[in-house]
Amino acid sequence: MGRLDGLAAIVTGAAGGIGSAIAARFRAEGARVVGLDAKRADGLDGFVACDVADGAAVDAAVAEAVALLGSRLDIVVTAAALTGGRAAFPDVSDDEWQRYIDVNLSGSFYACRAAARAMISGGRGGSIITIGSINALAAEAGALAYVASKGGVGMLTKAMAVDLARHRIRANMIAPGPVTVPRNRELFETPGFRRGFAATIPMGAAAEAEDVANAAVYLAEPGSAMVTGTTLVVDGGMLARVPTFGGDD
């Protein structure tokens, strides 16, 4: 038997590297999965095109997804996100700031709110899993809008955990470090990046999207029933490591 047998899930960003891996792993564990994305995502039990930055569109898409799942919803994962950003703080434009907030933070809020309403209506509880970043816990130079948006996702997740506990709905965030996905695999496999990962990540390499999917299965399954309001870091020990300094006198 799969760890998610009989459960119904929605995954936003299901066409992306992390979202696709989570959706595939959920299905392998017995869940039915509907994906939400601006781009087509195949290999699922259903797909609804959606811009997560549009609250009304998200409400409609989640309602359609729940119908495709047989009027049941047990799990939602918010993997839709913009990444990166390479502007120093004084140079961040209004448009860049707003776009990251709209997609990463507001998009997570809209999807989680719609999913929570469906879970409350169903009366069976549920698991909300947001995909944050280690940048929700520590800042990266030149990525202010991204860092702020992911920090917001972290506190959104804690607030949901507190407010939704009485409905037996859990909310947790996964905070990945560097993750190898199709769009960055060639770059991450260059000698420079390999050396950088070896120097900064105790496990010596970037994670794979499947590593994040494994964490999502744990947070989705009934066995984590008392885990809520927490952050599960998947970074190979990157945040745990204190930089070492030294040199000749």
C-alpha atoms as a PDB file:
ATOM      1  CA  MET A   1       0.000   0.000   0.000  1.00  0.00           C
ATOM      2  CA  GLY A   2       1.122   3.548  -0.729  1.00  0.00           C
ATOM      3  CA  ARG A   3       1.636   6.052   2.043  1.00  0.00           C
ATOM      4  CA  LEU A   4      -1.020   8.346   0.531  1.00  0.00           C
ATOM      5  CA  ASP A   5      -3.568   5.768  -0.633  1.00  0.00           C
ATOM      6  CA  GLY A   6      -7.020   7.241  -1.150  1.00  0.00           C
ATOM      7  CA  LEU A   7      -5.972  10.848  -0.552  1.00  0.00           C
ATOM      8  CA  ALA A   8      -6.652  13.726  -2.934  1.00  0.00           C
ATOM      9  CA  ALA A   9      -4.097  16.461  -3.581  1.00  0.00           C
ATOM     10  CA  ILE A  10      -3.627  19.730  -5.431  1.00  0.00           C
ATOM     11  CA  VAL A  11      -0.124  20.838  -6.405  1.00  0.00           C
ATOM     12  CA  THR A  12       0.446  24.353  -7.711  1.00  0.00           C
ATOM     13  CA  GLY A  13       3.432  24.824  -9.984  1.00  0.00           C
ATOM     14  CA  ALA A  14       2.957  21.225 -11.094  1.00  0.00           C
ATOM     15  CA  ALA A  15       4.767  21.842 -14.388  1.00  0.00           C
ATOM     16  CA  GLY A  16       7.944  23.011 -12.632  1.00  0.00           C
ATOM     17  CA  GLY A  17      10.831  20.889 -11.430  1.00  0.00           C
ATOM     18  CA  ILE A  18       9.914  20.658  -7.734  1.00  0.00           C
ATOM     19  CA  GLY A  19       6.147  20.703  -8.278  1.00  0.00           C
ATOM     20  CA  SER A  20       6.369  18.010 -10.946  1.00  0.00           C
ATOM     21  CA  ALA A  21       8.496  15.777  -8.712  1.00  0.00           C
ATOM     22  CA  ILE A  22       6.072  16.168  -5.805  1.00  0.00           C
ATOM     23  CA  ALA A  23       3.046  15.430  -7.975  1.00  0.00           C
ATOM     24  CA  ALA A  24       4.704  12.324  -9.417  1.00  0.00           C
ATOM     25  CA  ARG A  25       5.754  11.037  -6.003  1.00  0.00           C
ATOM     26  CA  PHE A  26       2.289  11.636  -4.546  1.00  0.00           C
ATOM     27  CA  ARG A  27       0.750   9.592  -7.352  1.00  0.00           C
ATOM     28  CA  ALA A  28       3.304   6.829  -6.835  1.00  0.00           C
ATOM     29  CA  GLU A  29       2.233   6.725  -3.176  1.00  0.00           C
ATOM     30  CA  GLY A  30      -1.430   6.279  -4.112  1.00  0.00           C
ATOM     31  CA  ALA A  31      -2.824   9.831  -4.105  1.00  0.00           C
ATOM     32  CA  ARG A  32      -4.925  11.359  -6.842  1.00  0.00           C
ATOM     33  CA  VAL A  33      -3.349  14.630  -7.960  1.00  0.00           C
ATOM     34  CA  VAL A  34      -4.613  17.644  -9.870  1.00  0.00           C
ATOM     35  CA  GLY A  35      -2.018  20.184 -10.931  1.00  0.00           C
ATOM     36  CA  LEU A  36      -2.411  23.955 -11.180  1.00  0.00           C
ATOM     37  CA  ASP A  37       0.023  25.883 -13.340  1.00  0.00           C
ATOM     38  CA  ALA A  38       0.194  28.546 -16.006  1.00  0.00           C
ATOM     39  CA  LYS A  39       1.912  25.913 -18.180  1.00  0.00           C
ATOM     40  CA  ARG A  40       0.503  22.525 -19.103  1.00  0.00           C
ATOM     41  CA  ALA A  41       1.400  19.714 -16.689  1.00  0.00           C
ATOM     42  CA  ASP A  42       0.869  16.153 -17.896  1.00  0.00           C
ATOM     43  CA  GLY A  43       0.839  12.750 -16.216  1.00  0.00           C
ATOM     44  CA  LEU A  44      -1.649  13.775 -13.522  1.00  0.00           C
ATOM     45  CA  ASP A  45      -5.231  12.904 -12.663  1.00  0.00           C
ATOM     46  CA  GLY A  46      -6.250  16.352 -13.828  1.00  0.00           C
ATOM     47  CA  PHE A  47      -4.902  19.777 -14.710  1.00  0.00           C
ATOM     48  CA  VAL A  48      -6.300  23.305 -14.392  1.00  0.00           C
ATOM     49  CA  ALA A  49      -4.585  26.283 -15.999  1.00  0.00           C
ATOM     50  CA  CYS A  50      -4.167  29.067 -13.460  1.00  0.00           C
ATOM     51  CA  ASP A  51      -2.199  32.229 -12.689  1.00  0.00           C
ATOM     52  CA  VAL A  52      -1.656  31.948  -8.929  1.00  0.00           C
ATOM     53  CA  ALA A  53      -1.212  35.722  -8.642  1.00  0.00           C
ATOM     54  CA  ASP A  54      -4.916  36.180  -9.488  1.00  0.00           C
ATOM     55  CA  GLY A  55      -6.998  35.457  -6.396  1.00  0.00           C
ATOM     56  CA  ALA A  56     -10.314  35.014  -8.212  1.00  0.00           C
ATOM     57  CA  ALA A  57      -8.672  32.708 -10.746  1.00  0.00           C
ATOM     58  CA  VAL A  58      -7.185  30.595  -7.936  1.00  0.00           C
ATOM     59  CA  ASP A  59     -10.563  30.278  -6.214  1.00  0.00           C
ATOM     60  CA  ALA A  60     -12.122  29.059  -9.455  1.00  0.00           C
ATOM     61  CA  ALA A  61      -9.218  26.724 -10.254  1.00  0.00           C
ATOM     62  CA  VAL A  62      -9.250  25.106  -6.810  1.00  0.00           C
ATOM     63  CA  ALA A  63     -13.015  24.597  -7.039  1.00  0.00           C
ATOM     64  CA  GLU A  64     -12.549  22.923 -10.429  1.00  0.00           C
ATOM     65  CA  ALA A  65      -9.687  20.807  -9.098  1.00  0.00           C
ATOM     66  CA  VAL A  66     -11.738  19.648  -6.106  1.00  0.00           C
ATOM     67  CA  ALA A  67     -14.536  18.634  -8.482  1.00  0.00           C
ATOM     68  CA  LEU A  68     -12.041  16.637 -10.569  1.00  0.00           C
ATOM     69  CA  LEU A  69     -10.906  14.926  -7.363  1.00  0.00           C
ATOM     70  CA  GLY A  70     -14.441  13.805  -6.561  1.00  0.00           C
ATOM     71  CA  SER A  71     -15.306  16.645  -4.178  1.00  0.00           C
ATOM     72  CA  ARG A  72     -12.499  15.703  -1.818  1.00  0.00           C
ATOM     73  CA  LEU A  73      -9.306  17.505  -0.841  1.00  0.00           C
ATOM     74  CA  ASP A  74      -6.763  16.250   1.687  1.00  0.00           C
ATOM     75  CA  ILE A  75      -3.485  17.884   0.645  1.00  0.00           C
ATOM     76  CA  VAL A  76      -2.372  21.078  -1.054  1.00  0.00           C
ATOM     77  CA  VAL A  77       1.208  21.923  -2.001  1.00  0.00           C
ATOM     78  CA  THR A  78       2.121  25.438  -3.129  1.00  0.00           C
ATOM     79  CA  ALA A  79       5.150  24.952  -5.385  1.00  0.00           C
ATOM     80  CA  ALA A  80       4.393  27.753  -7.858  1.00  0.00           C
ATOM     81  CA  ALA A  81       7.040  30.453  -7.477  1.00  0.00           C
ATOM     82  CA  LEU A  82       9.399  32.892  -9.075  1.00  0.00           C
ATOM     83  CA  THR A  83      13.035  32.273  -8.171  1.00  0.00           C
ATOM     84  CA  GLY A  84      16.228  34.292  -8.142  1.00  0.00           C
ATOM     85  CA  GLY A  85      16.416  38.044  -8.508  1.00  0.00           C
ATOM     86  CA  ARG A  86      19.729  39.795  -8.957  1.00  0.00           C
ATOM     87  CA  ALA A  87      19.154  43.418  -8.001  1.00  0.00           C
ATOM     88  CA  ALA A  88      20.813  45.028  -4.999  1.00  0.00           C
ATOM     89  CA  PHE A  89      18.359  46.542  -2.528  1.00  0.00           C
ATOM     90  CA  PRO A  90      18.551  50.167  -3.742  1.00  0.00           C
ATOM     91  CA  ASP A  91      17.979  48.996  -7.327  1.00  0.00           C
ATOM     92  CA  VAL A  92      14.897  46.833  -6.763  1.00  0.00           C
ATOM     93  CA  SER A  93      12.104  48.262  -8.887  1.00  0.00           C
ATOM     94  CA  ASP A  94       8.476  48.552  -7.834  1.00  0.00           C
ATOM     95  CA  ASP A  95       7.527  46.082 -10.556  1.00  0.00           C
ATOM     96  CA  GLU A  96      10.093  43.480  -9.460  1.00  0.00           C
ATOM     97  CA  TRP A  97       9.070  43.765  -5.816  1.00  0.00           C
ATOM     98  CA  GLN A  98       5.378  43.471  -6.611  1.00  0.00           C
ATOM     99  CA  ARG A  99       5.779  40.523  -8.957  1.00  0.00           C
ATOM    100  CA  TYR A 100       7.616  38.417  -6.368  1.00  0.00           C
ATOM    101  CA  ILE A 101       5.094  39.305  -3.685  1.00  0.00           C
ATOM    102  CA  ASP A 102       2.163  38.611  -6.020  1.00  0.00           C
ATOM    103  CA  VAL A 103       3.361  35.180  -7.155  1.00  0.00           C
ATOM    104  CA  ASN A 104       5.295  33.809  -4.197  1.00  0.00           C
ATOM    105  CA  LEU A 105       3.464  35.234  -1.203  1.00  0.00           C
ATOM    106  CA  SER A 106      -0.003  36.197  -2.413  1.00  0.00           C
ATOM    107  CA  GLY A 107      -0.094  33.146  -4.700  1.00  0.00           C
ATOM    108  CA  SER A 108       0.573  30.873  -1.727  1.00  0.00           C
ATOM    109  CA  PHE A 109      -2.037  32.710   0.342  1.00  0.00           C
ATOM    110  CA  TYR A 110      -4.726  32.419  -2.356  1.00  0.00           C
ATOM    111  CA  ALA A 111      -4.127  28.708  -2.958  1.00  0.00           C
ATOM    112  CA  CYS A 112      -3.966  27.850   0.740  1.00  0.00           C
ATOM    113  CA  ARG A 113      -7.074  29.876   1.561  1.00  0.00           C
ATOM    114  CA  ALA A 114      -9.128  28.215  -1.159  1.00  0.00           C
ATOM    115  CA  ALA A 115      -7.818  24.780  -0.179  1.00  0.00           C
ATOM    116  CA  ALA A 116      -8.480  25.365   3.520  1.00  0.00           C
ATOM    117  CA  ARG A 117     -12.069  26.342   2.786  1.00  0.00           C
ATOM    118  CA  ALA A 118     -12.546  23.115   0.823  1.00  0.00           C
ATOM    119  CA  MET A 119     -10.924  21.058   3.600  1.00  0.00           C
ATOM    120  CA  ILE A 120     -13.097  22.668   6.273  1.00  0.00           C
ATOM    121  CA  SER A 121     -16.178  21.968   4.180  1.00  0.00           C
ATOM    122  CA  GLY A 122     -15.120  18.342   3.778  1.00  0.00           C
ATOM    123  CA  GLY A 123     -14.660  17.922   7.524  1.00  0.00           C
ATOM    124  CA  ARG A 124     -11.756  15.444   7.251  1.00  0.00           C
ATOM    125  CA  GLY A 125      -8.884  17.766   8.125  1.00  0.00           C
ATOM    126  CA  GLY A 126      -5.916  18.017   5.792  1.00  0.00           C
ATOM    127  CA  SER A 127      -2.317  18.968   5.185  1.00  0.00           C
ATOM    128  CA  ILE A 128      -1.133  22.263   3.729  1.00  0.00           C
ATOM    129  CA  ILE A 129       2.475  22.226   2.533  1.00  0.00           C
ATOM    130  CA  THR A 130       4.110  25.443   1.372  1.00  0.00           C
ATOM    131  CA  ILE A 131       7.378  25.414  -0.527  1.00  0.00           C
ATOM    132  CA  GLY A 132       9.576  28.095   0.957  1.00  0.00           C
ATOM    133  CA  SER A 133      13.350  28.325   0.759  1.00  0.00           C
ATOM    134  CA  ILE A 134      16.371  28.543   3.005  1.00  0.00           C
ATOM    135  CA  ASN A 135      16.091  32.209   1.984  1.00  0.00           C
ATOM    136  CA  ALA A 136      13.068  32.350   4.288  1.00  0.00           C
ATOM    137  CA  LEU A 137      15.591  31.787   7.088  1.00  0.00           C
ATOM    138  CA  ALA A 138      18.745  33.493   5.823  1.00  0.00           C
ATOM    139  CA  ALA A 139      19.203  36.211   3.203  1.00  0.00           C
ATOM    140  CA  GLU A 140      21.090  35.922  -0.066  1.00  0.00           C
ATOM    141  CA  ALA A 141      22.756  38.981  -1.566  1.00  0.00           C
ATOM    142  CA  GLY A 142      20.960  40.519  -4.519  1.00  0.00           C
ATOM    143  CA  ALA A 143      17.688  38.648  -4.044  1.00  0.00           C
ATOM    144  CA  LEU A 144      15.751  40.940  -1.732  1.00  0.00           C
ATOM    145  CA  ALA A 145      12.284  40.605  -3.292  1.00  0.00           C
ATOM    146  CA  TYR A 146      12.597  36.815  -3.416  1.00  0.00           C
ATOM    147  CA  VAL A 147      13.921  36.601   0.147  1.00  0.00           C
ATOM    148  CA  ALA A 148      11.132  38.817   1.503  1.00  0.00           C
ATOM    149  CA  SER A 149       8.450  36.859  -0.325  1.00  0.00           C
ATOM    150  CA  LYS A 150       9.712  33.517   1.009  1.00  0.00           C
ATOM    151  CA  GLY A 151      10.066  34.929   4.521  1.00  0.00           C
ATOM    152  CA  GLY A 152       6.426  35.909   4.264  1.00  0.00           C
ATOM    153  CA  VAL A 153       5.516  32.381   3.225  1.00  0.00           C
ATOM    154  CA  GLY A 154       7.185  31.109   6.378  1.00  0.00           C
ATOM    155  CA  MET A 155       5.073  33.279   8.670  1.00  0.00           C
ATOM    156  CA  LEU A 156       1.946  32.654   6.589  1.00  0.00           C
ATOM    157  CA  THR A 157       2.497  28.953   7.233  1.00  0.00           C
ATOM    158  CA  LYS A 158       2.833  29.394  10.995  1.00  0.00           C
ATOM    159  CA  ALA A 159      -0.276  31.567  11.135  1.00  0.00           C
ATOM    160  CA  MET A 160      -2.274  28.998   9.174  1.00  0.00           C
ATOM    161  CA  ALA A 161      -1.109  26.251  11.524  1.00  0.00           C
ATOM    162  CA  VAL A 162      -2.446  28.175  14.512  1.00  0.00           C
ATOM    163  CA  ASP A 163      -5.753  29.193  12.947  1.00  0.00           C
ATOM    164  CA  LEU A 164      -6.556  25.870  11.268  1.00  0.00           C
ATOM    165  CA  ALA A 165      -5.594  23.419  14.015  1.00  0.00           C
ATOM    166  CA  ARG A 166      -9.149  23.309  15.350  1.00  0.00           C
ATOM    167  CA  HIS A 167     -10.218  21.949  11.944  1.00  0.00           C
ATOM    168  CA  ARG A 168      -7.486  19.265  12.080  1.00  0.00           C
ATOM    169  CA  ILE A 169      -5.733  20.998   9.190  1.00  0.00           C
ATOM    170  CA  ARG A 170      -1.947  21.091   9.478  1.00  0.00           C
ATOM    171  CA  ALA A 171       0.353  23.617   7.786  1.00  0.00           C
ATOM    172  CA  ASN A 172       4.090  23.164   7.326  1.00  0.00           C
ATOM    173  CA  MET A 173       6.776  24.650   5.104  1.00  0.00           C
ATOM    174  CA  ILE A 174       9.573  22.886   3.258  1.00  0.00           C
ATOM    175  CA  ALA A 175      12.671  25.080   2.924  1.00  0.00           C
ATOM    176  CA  PRO A 176      14.921  23.718   0.176  1.00  0.00           C
ATOM    177  CA  GLY A 177      18.477  24.833  -0.392  1.00  0.00           C
ATOM    178  CA  PRO A 178      19.910  24.580  -3.917  1.00  0.00           C
ATOM    179  CA  VAL A 179      17.882  22.025  -5.879  1.00  0.00           C
ATOM    180  CA  THR A 180      18.857  20.523  -9.213  1.00  0.00           C
ATOM    181  CA  VAL A 181      15.954  20.664 -11.665  1.00  0.00           C
ATOM    182  CA  PRO A 182      15.877  20.449 -15.480  1.00  0.00           C
ATOM    183  CA  ARG A 183      16.231  24.202 -16.021  1.00  0.00           C
ATOM    184  CA  ASN A 184      19.451  24.476 -13.977  1.00  0.00           C
ATOM    185  CA  ARG A 185      20.985  20.998 -14.235  1.00  0.00           C
ATOM    186  CA  GLU A 186      23.573  21.941 -16.863  1.00  0.00           C
ATOM    187  CA  LEU A 187      24.664  24.960 -14.806  1.00  0.00           C
ATOM    188  CA  PHE A 188      24.770  23.079 -11.509  1.00  0.00           C
ATOM    189  CA  GLU A 189      26.950  20.376 -13.053  1.00  0.00           C
ATOM    190  CA  THR A 190      29.685  22.797 -14.140  1.00  0.00           C
ATOM    191  CA  PRO A 191      32.989  22.518 -12.237  1.00  0.00           C
ATOM    192  CA  GLY A 192      32.553  25.933 -10.615  1.00  0.00           C
ATOM    193  CA  PHE A 193      29.164  25.111  -9.141  1.00  0.00           C
ATOM    194  CA  ARG A 194      30.312  21.641  -8.062  1.00  0.00           C
ATOM    195  CA  ARG A 195      33.234  23.206  -6.181  1.00  0.00           C
ATOM    196  CA  GLY A 196      30.936  25.797  -4.622  1.00  0.00           C
ATOM    197  CA  PHE A 197      28.476  23.171  -3.409  1.00  0.00           C
ATOM    198  CA  ALA A 198      31.284  21.024  -2.032  1.00  0.00           C
ATOM    199  CA  ALA A 199      32.626  24.008  -0.092  1.00  0.00           C
ATOM    200  CA  THR A 200      29.332  25.259   1.327  1.00  0.00           C
ATOM    201  CA  ILE A 201      27.070  22.200   1.679  1.00  0.00           C
ATOM    202  CA  PRO A 202      28.155  19.552   4.189  1.00  0.00           C
ATOM    203  CA  MET A 203      26.550  16.801   2.092  1.00  0.00           C
ATOM    204  CA  GLY A 204      28.668  18.073  -0.805  1.00  0.00           C
ATOM    205  CA  ALA A 205      26.016  18.594  -3.477  1.00  0.00           C
ATOM    206  CA  ALA A 206      22.741  20.248  -4.335  1.00  0.00           C
ATOM    207  CA  ALA A 207      19.549  18.341  -3.555  1.00  0.00           C
ATOM    208  CA  GLU A 208      17.466  16.709  -6.255  1.00  0.00           C
ATOM    209  CA  ALA A 209      13.787  17.591  -6.692  1.00  0.00           C
ATOM    210  CA  GLU A 210      12.971  14.078  -5.483  1.00  0.00           C
ATOM    211  CA  ASP A 211      14.535  14.927  -2.105  1.00  0.00           C
ATOM    212  CA  VAL A 212      11.985  17.702  -1.687  1.00  0.00           C
ATOM    213  CA  ALA A 213       9.230  15.338  -2.840  1.00  0.00           C
ATOM    214  CA  ASN A 214      10.255  12.840  -0.137  1.00  0.00           C
ATOM    215  CA  ALA A 215       9.847  15.558   2.496  1.00  0.00           C
ATOM    216  CA  ALA A 216       6.444  16.469   1.085  1.00  0.00           C
ATOM    217  CA  VAL A 217       5.233  12.872   1.349  1.00  0.00           C
ATOM    218  CA  TYR A 218       6.178  12.809   5.029  1.00  0.00           C
ATOM    219  CA  LEU A 219       4.274  16.029   5.737  1.00  0.00           C
ATOM    220  CA  ALA A 220       1.269  14.814   3.729  1.00  0.00           C
ATOM    221  CA  GLU A 221       0.905  11.337   5.212  1.00  0.00           C
ATOM    222  CA  PRO A 222      -1.201  10.490   8.283  1.00  0.00           C
ATOM    223  CA  GLY A 223       1.959   9.530  10.163  1.00  0.00           C
ATOM    224  CA  SER A 224       2.838  13.206  10.636  1.00  0.00           C
ATOM    225  CA  ALA A 225      -0.525  14.004  12.192  1.00  0.00           C
ATOM    226  CA  MET A 226       0.982  16.025  15.065  1.00  0.00           C
ATOM    227  CA  VAL A 227       3.465  17.959  12.950  1.00  0.00           C
ATOM    228  CA  THR A 228       2.249  21.472  12.225  1.00  0.00           C
ATOM    229  CA  GLY A 229       3.626  24.999  12.161  1.00  0.00           C
ATOM    230  CA  THR A 230       7.146  23.805  11.458  1.00  0.00           C
ATOM    231  CA  THR A 231       9.770  24.177   8.736  1.00  0.00           C
ATOM    232  CA  LEU A 232      11.457  21.116   7.267  1.00  0.00           C
ATOM    233  CA  VAL A 233      14.801  22.205   5.827  1.00  0.00           C
ATOM    234  CA  VAL A 234      16.146  20.202   2.874  1.00  0.00           C
ATOM    235  CA  ASP A 235      19.570  21.738   2.271  1.00  0.00           C
ATOM    236  CA  GLY A 236      22.206  19.076   2.902  1.00  0.00           C
ATOM    237  CA  GLY A 237      23.209  20.843   6.108  1.00  0.00           C
ATOM    238  CA  MET A 238      23.920  24.201   4.456  1.00  0.00           C
ATOM    239  CA  LEU A 239      22.307  26.354   7.139  1.00  0.00           C
ATOM    240  CA  ALA A 240      23.764  24.255   9.943  1.00  0.00           C
ATOM    241  CA  ARG A 241      27.342  24.973   8.950  1.00  0.00           C
ATOM    242  CA  VAL A 242      29.328  27.833  10.458  1.00  0.00           C
ATOM    243  CA  PRO A 243      31.918  29.171   7.976  1.00  0.00           C
ATOM    244  CA  THR A 244      35.492  28.515   8.986  1.00  0.00           C
ATOM    245  CA  PHE A 245      38.155  31.169   8.785  1.00  0.00           C
ATOM    246  CA  GLY A 246      41.872  30.845   8.913  1.00  0.00           C
ATOM    247  CA  GLY A 247      45.147  31.750   7.317  1.00  0.00           C
ATOM    248  CA  ASP A 248      48.766  32.428   7.936  1.00  0.00           C
ATOM    249  CA  ASP A 249      49.755  35.044  10.517  1.00  0.00           C
END
